[in-house]
Amino acid sequence: AQQTIDAALESPARKTKGSLAQVHYKAGISLLELSDHRGAEEH
């Protein structure tokens, strides 16, 4: 999951505000699933 988050952040999504915000939102939800609350808050 973390490797896929990193790949998503390196994708062309980082060039578009809406797409990048979507990646951060889903990354945050992913880290909540893994009980990484600090990492989720950052995203």
PDB file of all heavy atoms in Angstrom:
ATOM      1  N   ALA A   1       0.834  -1.204   0.000  1.00  0.00           N
ATOM      2  CA  ALA A   1       0.000   0.000   0.000  1.00  0.00           C
ATOM      3  C   ALA A   1       0.869   1.255   0.000  1.00  0.00           C
ATOM      4  O   ALA A   1       0.620   2.195  -0.753  1.00  0.00           O
ATOM      5  CB  ALA A   1      -0.934   0.000   1.209  1.00  0.00           C
ATOM      6  N   GLN A   2       1.907   1.272   0.823  1.00  0.00           N
ATOM      7  CA  GLN A   2       2.797   2.440   0.893  1.00  0.00           C
ATOM      8  C   GLN A   2       3.548   2.629  -0.422  1.00  0.00           C
ATOM      9  O   GLN A   2       3.710   3.757  -0.901  1.00  0.00           O
ATOM     10  CB  GLN A   2       3.788   2.288   2.042  1.00  0.00           C
ATOM     11  CG  GLN A   2       4.666   3.517   2.251  1.00  0.00           C
ATOM     12  CD  GLN A   2       3.876   4.771   2.545  1.00  0.00           C
ATOM     13  OE1 GLN A   2       3.204   4.855   3.568  1.00  0.00           O
ATOM     14  NE2 GLN A   2       3.934   5.759   1.655  1.00  0.00           N
ATOM     15  N   GLN A   3       3.995   1.527  -1.015  1.00  0.00           N
ATOM     16  CA  GLN A   3       4.690   1.615  -2.306  1.00  0.00           C
ATOM     17  C   GLN A   3       3.757   2.175  -3.381  1.00  0.00           C
ATOM     18  O   GLN A   3       4.180   2.969  -4.222  1.00  0.00           O
ATOM     19  CB  GLN A   3       5.198   0.238  -2.712  1.00  0.00           C
ATOM     20  CG  GLN A   3       6.333  -0.283  -1.843  1.00  0.00           C
ATOM     21  CD  GLN A   3       6.699  -1.727  -2.148  1.00  0.00           C
ATOM     22  OE1 GLN A   3       5.928  -2.464  -2.793  1.00  0.00           O
ATOM     23  NE2 GLN A   3       7.871  -2.161  -1.710  1.00  0.00           N
ATOM     24  N   THR A   4       2.497   1.782  -3.336  1.00  0.00           N
ATOM     25  CA  THR A   4       1.538   2.263  -4.328  1.00  0.00           C
ATOM     26  C   THR A   4       1.214   3.736  -4.106  1.00  0.00           C
ATOM     27  O   THR A   4       1.021   4.492  -5.067  1.00  0.00           O
ATOM     28  CB  THR A   4       0.253   1.414  -4.282  1.00  0.00           C
ATOM     29  OG1 THR A   4       0.599   0.028  -4.415  1.00  0.00           O
ATOM     30  CG2 THR A   4      -0.702   1.787  -5.406  1.00  0.00           C
ATOM     31  N   ILE A   5       1.150   4.166  -2.843  1.00  0.00           N
ATOM     32  CA  ILE A   5       0.964   5.591  -2.549  1.00  0.00           C
ATOM     33  C   ILE A   5       2.111   6.401  -3.134  1.00  0.00           C
ATOM     34  O   ILE A   5       1.915   7.442  -3.772  1.00  0.00           O
ATOM     35  CB  ILE A   5       0.865   5.819  -1.026  1.00  0.00           C
ATOM     36  CG1 ILE A   5      -0.455   5.273  -0.486  1.00  0.00           C
ATOM     37  CG2 ILE A   5       0.994   7.313  -0.695  1.00  0.00           C
ATOM     38  CD1 ILE A   5      -0.547   5.283   1.028  1.00  0.00           C
ATOM     39  N   ASP A   6       3.346   5.921  -2.911  1.00  0.00           N
ATOM     40  CA  ASP A   6       4.522   6.626  -3.430  1.00  0.00           C
ATOM     41  C   ASP A   6       4.458   6.727  -4.958  1.00  0.00           C
ATOM     42  O   ASP A   6       4.778   7.772  -5.540  1.00  0.00           O
ATOM     43  CB  ASP A   6       5.797   5.899  -3.006  1.00  0.00           C
ATOM     44  CG  ASP A   6       6.020   5.954  -1.497  1.00  0.00           C
ATOM     45  OD1 ASP A   6       5.414   6.828  -0.841  1.00  0.00           O
ATOM     46  OD2 ASP A   6       6.776   5.111  -0.983  1.00  0.00           O
ATOM     47  N   ALA A   7       4.048   5.624  -5.608  1.00  0.00           N
ATOM     48  CA  ALA A   7       3.962   5.635  -7.070  1.00  0.00           C
ATOM     49  C   ALA A   7       2.877   6.600  -7.544  1.00  0.00           C
ATOM     50  O   ALA A   7       3.040   7.297  -8.547  1.00  0.00           O
ATOM     51  CB  ALA A   7       3.667   4.223  -7.581  1.00  0.00           C
ATOM     52  N   ALA A   8       1.753   6.661  -6.813  1.00  0.00           N
ATOM     53  CA  ALA A   8       0.670   7.576  -7.186  1.00  0.00           C
ATOM     54  C   ALA A   8       1.122   9.029  -7.084  1.00  0.00           C
ATOM     55  O   ALA A   8       0.781   9.865  -7.924  1.00  0.00           O
ATOM     56  CB  ALA A   8      -0.546   7.339  -6.294  1.00  0.00           C
ATOM     57  N   LEU A   9       1.922   9.320  -6.062  1.00  0.00           N
ATOM     58  CA  LEU A   9       2.410  10.688  -5.883  1.00  0.00           C
ATOM     59  C   LEU A   9       3.456  11.071  -6.928  1.00  0.00           C
ATOM     60  O   LEU A   9       3.666  12.260  -7.181  1.00  0.00           O
ATOM     61  CB  LEU A   9       2.995  10.847  -4.471  1.00  0.00           C
ATOM     62  CG  LEU A   9       1.971  10.830  -3.338  1.00  0.00           C
ATOM     63  CD1 LEU A   9       2.663  10.758  -1.989  1.00  0.00           C
ATOM     64  CD2 LEU A   9       1.074  12.066  -3.416  1.00  0.00           C
ATOM     65  N   GLU A  10       4.095  10.073  -7.527  1.00  0.00           N
ATOM     66  CA  GLU A  10       5.076  10.347  -8.582  1.00  0.00           C
ATOM     67  C   GLU A  10       4.448  10.371  -9.963  1.00  0.00           C
ATOM     68  O   GLU A  10       5.114  10.685 -10.950  1.00  0.00           O
ATOM     69  CB  GLU A  10       6.179   9.278  -8.548  1.00  0.00           C
ATOM     70  CG  GLU A  10       7.115   9.390  -7.349  1.00  0.00           C
ATOM     71  CD  GLU A  10       7.853  10.731  -7.334  1.00  0.00           C
ATOM     72  OE1 GLU A  10       8.330  11.162  -8.407  1.00  0.00           O
ATOM     73  OE2 GLU A  10       7.923  11.348  -6.258  1.00  0.00           O
ATOM     74  N   SER A  11       3.166  10.053 -10.044  1.00  0.00           N
ATOM     75  CA  SER A  11       2.481  10.021 -11.333  1.00  0.00           C
ATOM     76  C   SER A  11       2.150  11.435 -11.805  1.00  0.00           C
ATOM     77  O   SER A  11       2.330  12.408 -11.057  1.00  0.00           O
ATOM     78  CB  SER A  11       1.179   9.219 -11.196  1.00  0.00           C
ATOM     79  OG  SER A  11       0.206   9.996 -10.502  1.00  0.00           O
ATOM     80  N   PRO A  12       1.650  11.585 -13.036  1.00  0.00           N
ATOM     81  CA  PRO A  12       1.248  12.915 -13.520  1.00  0.00           C
ATOM     82  C   PRO A  12       0.164  13.579 -12.683  1.00  0.00           C
ATOM     83  O   PRO A  12      -0.127  14.757 -12.891  1.00  0.00           O
ATOM     84  CB  PRO A  12       0.764  12.626 -14.947  1.00  0.00           C
ATOM     85  CG  PRO A  12       1.534  11.418 -15.363  1.00  0.00           C
ATOM     86  CD  PRO A  12       1.617  10.581 -14.111  1.00  0.00           C
ATOM     87  N   ALA A  13      -0.444  12.854 -11.766  1.00  0.00           N
ATOM     88  CA  ALA A  13      -1.465  13.453 -10.899  1.00  0.00           C
ATOM     89  C   ALA A  13      -0.907  14.637 -10.115  1.00  0.00           C
ATOM     90  O   ALA A  13      -1.654  15.557  -9.756  1.00  0.00           O
ATOM     91  CB  ALA A  13      -2.006  12.403  -9.927  1.00  0.00           C
ATOM     92  N   ARG A  14       0.396  14.628  -9.855  1.00  0.00           N
ATOM     93  CA  ARG A  14       0.989  15.702  -9.059  1.00  0.00           C
ATOM     94  C   ARG A  14       0.932  17.056  -9.771  1.00  0.00           C
ATOM     95  O   ARG A  14       1.137  18.096  -9.143  1.00  0.00           O
ATOM     96  CB  ARG A  14       2.435  15.357  -8.708  1.00  0.00           C
ATOM     97  CG  ARG A  14       3.393  15.341  -9.877  1.00  0.00           C
ATOM     98  CD  ARG A  14       4.781  14.896  -9.453  1.00  0.00           C
ATOM     99  NE  ARG A  14       5.765  15.011 -10.523  1.00  0.00           N
ATOM    100  CZ  ARG A  14       5.957  14.092 -11.458  1.00  0.00           C
ATOM    101  NH1 ARG A  14       5.222  13.000 -11.467  1.00  0.00           N
ATOM    102  NH2 ARG A  14       6.871  14.277 -12.404  1.00  0.00           N
ATOM    103  N   LYS A  15       0.633  17.043 -11.086  1.00  0.00           N
ATOM    104  CA  LYS A  15       0.599  18.285 -11.858  1.00  0.00           C
ATOM    105  C   LYS A  15      -0.784  18.938 -11.864  1.00  0.00           C
ATOM    106  O   LYS A  15      -0.939  20.039 -12.379  1.00  0.00           O
ATOM    107  CB  LYS A  15       1.038  18.012 -13.293  1.00  0.00           C
ATOM    108  CG  LYS A  15       2.448  17.444 -13.413  1.00  0.00           C
ATOM    109  CD  LYS A  15       2.799  17.148 -14.860  1.00  0.00           C
ATOM    110  CE  LYS A  15       4.193  16.531 -14.969  1.00  0.00           C
ATOM    111  NZ  LYS A  15       4.530  16.207 -16.383  1.00  0.00           N
ATOM    112  N   THR A  16      -1.796  18.249 -11.326  1.00  0.00           N
ATOM    113  CA  THR A  16      -3.168  18.752 -11.337  1.00  0.00           C
ATOM    114  C   THR A  16      -3.695  18.819  -9.919  1.00  0.00           C
ATOM    115  O   THR A  16      -3.656  17.823  -9.187  1.00  0.00           O
ATOM    116  CB  THR A  16      -4.074  17.828 -12.181  1.00  0.00           C
ATOM    117  OG1 THR A  16      -3.500  17.653 -13.472  1.00  0.00           O
ATOM    118  CG2 THR A  16      -5.465  18.412 -12.314  1.00  0.00           C
ATOM    119  N   LYS A  17      -4.211  19.977  -9.513  1.00  0.00           N
ATOM    120  CA  LYS A  17      -4.632  20.173  -8.128  1.00  0.00           C
ATOM    121  C   LYS A  17      -5.658  19.146  -7.674  1.00  0.00           C
ATOM    122  O   LYS A  17      -5.505  18.527  -6.616  1.00  0.00           O
ATOM    123  CB  LYS A  17      -5.204  21.577  -7.944  1.00  0.00           C
ATOM    124  CG  LYS A  17      -4.204  22.700  -8.038  1.00  0.00           C
ATOM    125  CD  LYS A  17      -4.805  24.007  -7.540  1.00  0.00           C
ATOM    126  CE  LYS A  17      -6.028  24.415  -8.326  1.00  0.00           C
ATOM    127  NZ  LYS A  17      -6.574  25.707  -7.871  1.00  0.00           N
ATOM    128  N   GLY A  18      -6.711  18.975  -8.453  1.00  0.00           N
ATOM    129  CA  GLY A  18      -7.769  18.061  -8.044  1.00  0.00           C
ATOM    130  C   GLY A  18      -7.295  16.630  -7.936  1.00  0.00           C
ATOM    131  O   GLY A  18      -7.623  15.929  -6.976  1.00  0.00           O
ATOM    132  N   SER A  19      -6.520  16.188  -8.931  1.00  0.00           N
ATOM    133  CA  SER A  19      -6.018  14.808  -8.912  1.00  0.00           C
ATOM    134  C   SER A  19      -5.047  14.584  -7.763  1.00  0.00           C
ATOM    135  O   SER A  19      -5.078  13.538  -7.104  1.00  0.00           O
ATOM    136  CB  SER A  19      -5.337  14.484 -10.248  1.00  0.00           C
ATOM    137  OG  SER A  19      -6.252  14.538 -11.309  1.00  0.00           O
ATOM    138  N   LEU A  20      -4.192  15.570  -7.503  1.00  0.00           N
ATOM    139  CA  LEU A  20      -3.239  15.437  -6.407  1.00  0.00           C
ATOM    140  C   LEU A  20      -3.957  15.402  -5.063  1.00  0.00           C
ATOM    141  O   LEU A  20      -3.608  14.606  -4.183  1.00  0.00           O
ATOM    142  CB  LEU A  20      -2.230  16.586  -6.444  1.00  0.00           C
ATOM    143  CG  LEU A  20      -1.138  16.562  -5.363  1.00  0.00           C
ATOM    144  CD1 LEU A  20      -0.368  15.245  -5.398  1.00  0.00           C
ATOM    145  CD2 LEU A  20      -0.191  17.741  -5.536  1.00  0.00           C
ATOM    146  N   ALA A  21      -4.978  16.244  -4.900  1.00  0.00           N
ATOM    147  CA  ALA A  21      -5.751  16.233  -3.647  1.00  0.00           C
ATOM    148  C   ALA A  21      -6.447  14.889  -3.465  1.00  0.00           C
ATOM    149  O   ALA A  21      -6.541  14.369  -2.344  1.00  0.00           O
ATOM    150  CB  ALA A  21      -6.770  17.376  -3.645  1.00  0.00           C
ATOM    151  N   GLN A  22      -6.937  14.316  -4.576  1.00  0.00           N
ATOM    152  CA  GLN A  22      -7.581  13.000  -4.486  1.00  0.00           C
ATOM    153  C   GLN A  22      -6.587  11.937  -4.036  1.00  0.00           C
ATOM    154  O   GLN A  22      -6.914  11.078  -3.209  1.00  0.00           O
ATOM    155  CB  GLN A  22      -8.190  12.620  -5.841  1.00  0.00           C
ATOM    156  CG  GLN A  22      -8.895  11.272  -5.816  1.00  0.00           C
ATOM    157  CD  GLN A  22      -9.547  10.890  -7.128  1.00  0.00           C
ATOM    158  OE1 GLN A  22     -10.051   9.779  -7.266  1.00  0.00           O
ATOM    159  NE2 GLN A  22      -9.550  11.797  -8.099  1.00  0.00           N
ATOM    160  N   VAL A  23      -5.366  11.995  -4.577  1.00  0.00           N
ATOM    161  CA  VAL A  23      -4.337  11.040  -4.165  1.00  0.00           C
ATOM    162  C   VAL A  23      -4.052  11.183  -2.672  1.00  0.00           C
ATOM    163  O   VAL A  23      -3.965  10.184  -1.949  1.00  0.00           O
ATOM    164  CB  VAL A  23      -3.049  11.249  -4.991  1.00  0.00           C
ATOM    165  CG1 VAL A  23      -1.898  10.431  -4.395  1.00  0.00           C
ATOM    166  CG2 VAL A  23      -3.275  10.840  -6.444  1.00  0.00           C
ATOM    167  N   HIS A  24      -3.921  12.419  -2.195  1.00  0.00           N
ATOM    168  CA  HIS A  24      -3.640  12.614  -0.768  1.00  0.00           C
ATOM    169  C   HIS A  24      -4.801  12.130   0.101  1.00  0.00           C
ATOM    170  O   HIS A  24      -4.579  11.528   1.161  1.00  0.00           O
ATOM    171  CB  HIS A  24      -3.359  14.087  -0.483  1.00  0.00           C
ATOM    172  CG  HIS A  24      -1.972  14.518  -0.855  1.00  0.00           C
ATOM    173  ND1 HIS A  24      -0.853  13.903  -0.338  1.00  0.00           N
ATOM    174  CD2 HIS A  24      -1.517  15.503  -1.684  1.00  0.00           C
ATOM    175  CE1 HIS A  24       0.231  14.488  -0.819  1.00  0.00           C
ATOM    176  NE2 HIS A  24      -0.151  15.446  -1.646  1.00  0.00           N
ATOM    177  N   TYR A  25      -6.029  12.379  -0.348  1.00  0.00           N
ATOM    178  CA  TYR A  25      -7.185  11.919   0.440  1.00  0.00           C
ATOM    179  C   TYR A  25      -7.178  10.398   0.570  1.00  0.00           C
ATOM    180  O   TYR A  25      -7.307   9.852   1.672  1.00  0.00           O
ATOM    181  CB  TYR A  25      -8.491  12.375  -0.221  1.00  0.00           C
ATOM    182  CG  TYR A  25      -9.724  11.826   0.455  1.00  0.00           C
ATOM    183  CD1 TYR A  25     -10.214  12.397   1.629  1.00  0.00           C
ATOM    184  CD2 TYR A  25     -10.394  10.715  -0.070  1.00  0.00           C
ATOM    185  CE1 TYR A  25     -11.339  11.874   2.261  1.00  0.00           C
ATOM    186  CE2 TYR A  25     -11.518  10.200   0.553  1.00  0.00           C
ATOM    187  CZ  TYR A  25     -11.986  10.787   1.709  1.00  0.00           C
ATOM    188  OH  TYR A  25     -13.094  10.262   2.345  1.00  0.00           O
ATOM    189  N   LYS A  26      -7.002   9.707  -0.546  1.00  0.00           N
ATOM    190  CA  LYS A  26      -7.035   8.247  -0.513  1.00  0.00           C
ATOM    191  C   LYS A  26      -5.805   7.679   0.173  1.00  0.00           C
ATOM    192  O   LYS A  26      -5.868   6.611   0.788  1.00  0.00           O
ATOM    193  CB  LYS A  26      -7.200   7.701  -1.929  1.00  0.00           C
ATOM    194  CG  LYS A  26      -8.575   8.033  -2.505  1.00  0.00           C
ATOM    195  CD  LYS A  26      -8.752   7.549  -3.928  1.00  0.00           C
ATOM    196  CE  LYS A  26     -10.151   7.881  -4.433  1.00  0.00           C
ATOM    197  NZ  LYS A  26     -10.357   7.475  -5.841  1.00  0.00           N
ATOM    198  N   ALA A  27      -4.685   8.392   0.082  1.00  0.00           N
ATOM    199  CA  ALA A  27      -3.495   7.977   0.834  1.00  0.00           C
ATOM    200  C   ALA A  27      -3.768   8.079   2.327  1.00  0.00           C
ATOM    201  O   ALA A  27      -3.385   7.194   3.111  1.00  0.00           O
ATOM    202  CB  ALA A  27      -2.302   8.847   0.456  1.00  0.00           C
ATOM    203  N   GLY A  28      -4.447   9.161   2.733  1.00  0.00           N
ATOM    204  CA  GLY A  28      -4.796   9.314   4.140  1.00  0.00           C
ATOM    205  C   GLY A  28      -5.709   8.210   4.624  1.00  0.00           C
ATOM    206  O   GLY A  28      -5.503   7.635   5.705  1.00  0.00           O
ATOM    207  N   ILE A  29      -6.729   7.873   3.826  1.00  0.00           N
ATOM    208  CA  ILE A  29      -7.637   6.787   4.188  1.00  0.00           C
ATOM    209  C   ILE A  29      -6.874   5.468   4.277  1.00  0.00           C
ATOM    210  O   ILE A  29      -7.099   4.651   5.179  1.00  0.00           O
ATOM    211  CB  ILE A  29      -8.772   6.670   3.160  1.00  0.00           C
ATOM    212  CG1 ILE A  29      -9.623   7.940   3.143  1.00  0.00           C
ATOM    213  CG2 ILE A  29      -9.651   5.465   3.471  1.00  0.00           C
ATOM    214  CD1 ILE A  29     -10.352   8.218   4.424  1.00  0.00           C
ATOM    215  N   SER A  30      -5.949   5.256   3.325  1.00  0.00           N
ATOM    216  CA  SER A  30      -5.147   4.023   3.332  1.00  0.00           C
ATOM    217  C   SER A  30      -4.356   3.890   4.622  1.00  0.00           C
ATOM    218  O   SER A  30      -4.305   2.817   5.240  1.00  0.00           O
ATOM    219  CB  SER A  30      -4.188   4.018   2.133  1.00  0.00           C
ATOM    220  OG  SER A  30      -4.885   4.134   0.915  1.00  0.00           O
ATOM    221  N   LEU A  31      -3.728   4.991   5.049  1.00  0.00           N
ATOM    222  CA  LEU A  31      -2.912   4.939   6.264  1.00  0.00           C
ATOM    223  C   LEU A  31      -3.775   4.794   7.516  1.00  0.00           C
ATOM    224  O   LEU A  31      -3.331   4.193   8.501  1.00  0.00           O
ATOM    225  CB  LEU A  31      -2.038   6.190   6.345  1.00  0.00           C
ATOM    226  CG  LEU A  31      -0.978   6.291   5.229  1.00  0.00           C
ATOM    227  CD1 LEU A  31      -0.133   7.540   5.401  1.00  0.00           C
ATOM    228  CD2 LEU A  31      -0.094   5.042   5.196  1.00  0.00           C
ATOM    229  N   LEU A  32      -4.997   5.310   7.479  1.00  0.00           N
ATOM    230  CA  LEU A  32      -5.901   5.062   8.606  1.00  0.00           C
ATOM    231  C   LEU A  32      -6.227   3.580   8.708  1.00  0.00           C
ATOM    232  O   LEU A  32      -6.340   3.038   9.812  1.00  0.00           O
ATOM    233  CB  LEU A  32      -7.196   5.870   8.448  1.00  0.00           C
ATOM    234  CG  LEU A  32      -7.114   7.368   8.691  1.00  0.00           C
ATOM    235  CD1 LEU A  32      -8.496   8.005   8.544  1.00  0.00           C
ATOM    236  CD2 LEU A  32      -6.557   7.667  10.088  1.00  0.00           C
ATOM    237  N   GLU A  33      -6.385   2.926   7.547  1.00  0.00           N
ATOM    238  CA  GLU A  33      -6.614   1.475   7.548  1.00  0.00           C
ATOM    239  C   GLU A  33      -5.465   0.745   8.231  1.00  0.00           C
ATOM    240  O   GLU A  33      -5.663  -0.301   8.849  1.00  0.00           O
ATOM    241  CB  GLU A  33      -6.765   0.963   6.112  1.00  0.00           C
ATOM    242  CG  GLU A  33      -8.025   1.395   5.396  1.00  0.00           C
ATOM    243  CD  GLU A  33      -9.232   0.529   5.744  1.00  0.00           C
ATOM    244  OE1 GLU A  33      -9.090  -0.379   6.598  1.00  0.00           O
ATOM    245  OE2 GLU A  33     -10.309   0.764   5.177  1.00  0.00           O
ATOM    246  N   LEU A  34      -4.262   1.327   8.108  1.00  0.00           N
ATOM    247  CA  LEU A  34      -3.059   0.699   8.677  1.00  0.00           C
ATOM    248  C   LEU A  34      -2.702   1.262  10.043  1.00  0.00           C
ATOM    249  O   LEU A  34      -1.633   0.994  10.579  1.00  0.00           O
ATOM    250  CB  LEU A  34      -1.885   0.902   7.710  1.00  0.00           C
ATOM    251  CG  LEU A  34      -2.075   0.306   6.304  1.00  0.00           C
ATOM    252  CD1 LEU A  34      -0.958   0.758   5.382  1.00  0.00           C
ATOM    253  CD2 LEU A  34      -2.142  -1.215   6.380  1.00  0.00           C
ATOM    254  N   SER A  35      -3.621   2.094  10.603  1.00  0.00           N
ATOM    255  CA  SER A  35      -3.450   2.692  11.942  1.00  0.00           C
ATOM    256  C   SER A  35      -2.262   3.652  12.024  1.00  0.00           C
ATOM    257  O   SER A  35      -1.706   3.870  13.104  1.00  0.00           O
ATOM    258  CB  SER A  35      -3.305   1.592  13.012  1.00  0.00           C
ATOM    259  OG  SER A  35      -4.468   0.793  13.056  1.00  0.00           O
ATOM    260  N   ASP A  36      -1.869   4.218  10.883  1.00  0.00           N
ATOM    261  CA  ASP A  36      -0.814   5.232  10.854  1.00  0.00           C
ATOM    262  C   ASP A  36      -1.491   6.605  10.875  1.00  0.00           C
ATOM    263  O   ASP A  36      -1.632   7.263   9.842  1.00  0.00           O
ATOM    264  CB  ASP A  36       0.047   5.059   9.604  1.00  0.00           C
ATOM    265  CG  ASP A  36       1.204   6.065   9.551  1.00  0.00           C
ATOM    266  OD1 ASP A  36       1.298   6.929  10.449  1.00  0.00           O
ATOM    267  OD2 ASP A  36       2.001   5.992   8.590  1.00  0.00           O
ATOM    268  N   HIS A  37      -1.898   7.041  12.052  1.00  0.00           N
ATOM    269  CA  HIS A  37      -2.688   8.266  12.157  1.00  0.00           C
ATOM    270  C   HIS A  37      -1.864   9.513  11.831  1.00  0.00           C
ATOM    271  O   HIS A  37      -2.386  10.465  11.220  1.00  0.00           O
ATOM    272  CB  HIS A  37      -3.276   8.371  13.566  1.00  0.00           C
ATOM    273  CG  HIS A  37      -4.174   7.231  13.916  1.00  0.00           C
ATOM    274  ND1 HIS A  37      -5.438   7.105  13.413  1.00  0.00           N
ATOM    275  CD2 HIS A  37      -3.975   6.131  14.713  1.00  0.00           C
ATOM    276  CE1 HIS A  37      -6.001   5.991  13.879  1.00  0.00           C
ATOM    277  NE2 HIS A  37      -5.137   5.386  14.664  1.00  0.00           N
ATOM    278  N   ARG A  38      -0.600   9.525  12.214  1.00  0.00           N
ATOM    279  CA  ARG A  38       0.235  10.696  11.928  1.00  0.00           C
ATOM    280  C   ARG A  38       0.452  10.844  10.428  1.00  0.00           C
ATOM    281  O   ARG A  38       0.328  11.950   9.878  1.00  0.00           O
ATOM    282  CB  ARG A  38       1.576  10.577  12.649  1.00  0.00           C
ATOM    283  CG  ARG A  38       2.521  11.747  12.365  1.00  0.00           C
ATOM    284  CD  ARG A  38       3.755  11.680  13.224  1.00  0.00           C
ATOM    285  NE  ARG A  38       3.429  11.844  14.642  1.00  0.00           N
ATOM    286  CZ  ARG A  38       4.342  11.822  15.614  1.00  0.00           C
ATOM    287  NH1 ARG A  38       5.625  11.635  15.321  1.00  0.00           N
ATOM    288  NH2 ARG A  38       3.977  11.971  16.865  1.00  0.00           N
ATOM    289  N   GLY A  39       0.759   9.736   9.756  1.00  0.00           N
ATOM    290  CA  GLY A  39       0.947   9.792   8.309  1.00  0.00           C
ATOM    291  C   GLY A  39      -0.331  10.189   7.600  1.00  0.00           C
ATOM    292  O   GLY A  39      -0.311  10.958   6.637  1.00  0.00           O
ATOM    293  N   ALA A  40      -1.469   9.683   8.083  1.00  0.00           N
ATOM    294  CA  ALA A  40      -2.753  10.028   7.484  1.00  0.00           C
ATOM    295  C   ALA A  40      -3.029  11.521   7.623  1.00  0.00           C
ATOM    296  O   ALA A  40      -3.476  12.177   6.676  1.00  0.00           O
ATOM    297  CB  ALA A  40      -3.869   9.215   8.146  1.00  0.00           C
ATOM    298  N   GLU A  41      -2.754  12.074   8.802  1.00  0.00           N
ATOM    299  CA  GLU A  41      -2.990  13.498   9.027  1.00  0.00           C
ATOM    300  C   GLU A  41      -2.151  14.350   8.077  1.00  0.00           C
ATOM    301  O   GLU A  41      -2.625  15.383   7.563  1.00  0.00           O
ATOM    302  CB  GLU A  41      -2.673  13.860  10.469  1.00  0.00           C
ATOM    303  CG  GLU A  41      -2.981  15.307  10.812  1.00  0.00           C
ATOM    304  CD  GLU A  41      -2.763  15.626  12.273  1.00  0.00           C
ATOM    305  OE1 GLU A  41      -2.290  14.742  13.026  1.00  0.00           O
ATOM    306  OE2 GLU A  41      -3.064  16.766  12.678  1.00  0.00           O
ATOM    307  N   GLU A  42      -0.924  13.929   7.824  1.00  0.00           N
ATOM    308  CA  GLU A  42      -0.061  14.678   6.903  1.00  0.00           C
ATOM    309  C   GLU A  42      -0.663  14.716   5.498  1.00  0.00           C
ATOM    310  O   GLU A  42      -0.669  15.760   4.833  1.00  0.00           O
ATOM    311  CB  GLU A  42       1.326  14.046   6.873  1.00  0.00           C
ATOM    312  CG  GLU A  42       2.118  14.225   8.170  1.00  0.00           C
ATOM    313  CD  GLU A  42       3.464  13.535   8.114  1.00  0.00           C
ATOM    314  OE1 GLU A  42       3.775  12.913   7.054  1.00  0.00           O
ATOM    315  OE2 GLU A  42       4.216  13.599   9.110  1.00  0.00           O
ATOM    316  N   HIS A  43      -1.199  13.582   5.040  1.00  0.00           N
ATOM    317  CA  HIS A  43      -1.789  13.539   3.704  1.00  0.00           C
ATOM    318  C   HIS A  43      -3.072  14.373   3.638  1.00  0.00           C
ATOM    319  O   HIS A  43      -3.302  15.093   2.659  1.00  0.00           O
ATOM    320  CB  HIS A  43      -2.064  12.092   3.287  1.00  0.00           C
ATOM    321  CG  HIS A  43      -0.850  11.381   2.771  1.00  0.00           C
ATOM    322  ND1 HIS A  43      -0.257  11.694   1.566  1.00  0.00           N
ATOM    323  CD2 HIS A  43      -0.115  10.366   3.312  1.00  0.00           C
ATOM    324  CE1 HIS A  43       0.792  10.900   1.378  1.00  0.00           C
ATOM    325  NE2 HIS A  43       0.898  10.090   2.420  1.00  0.00           N
TER     326      HIS A  43
END
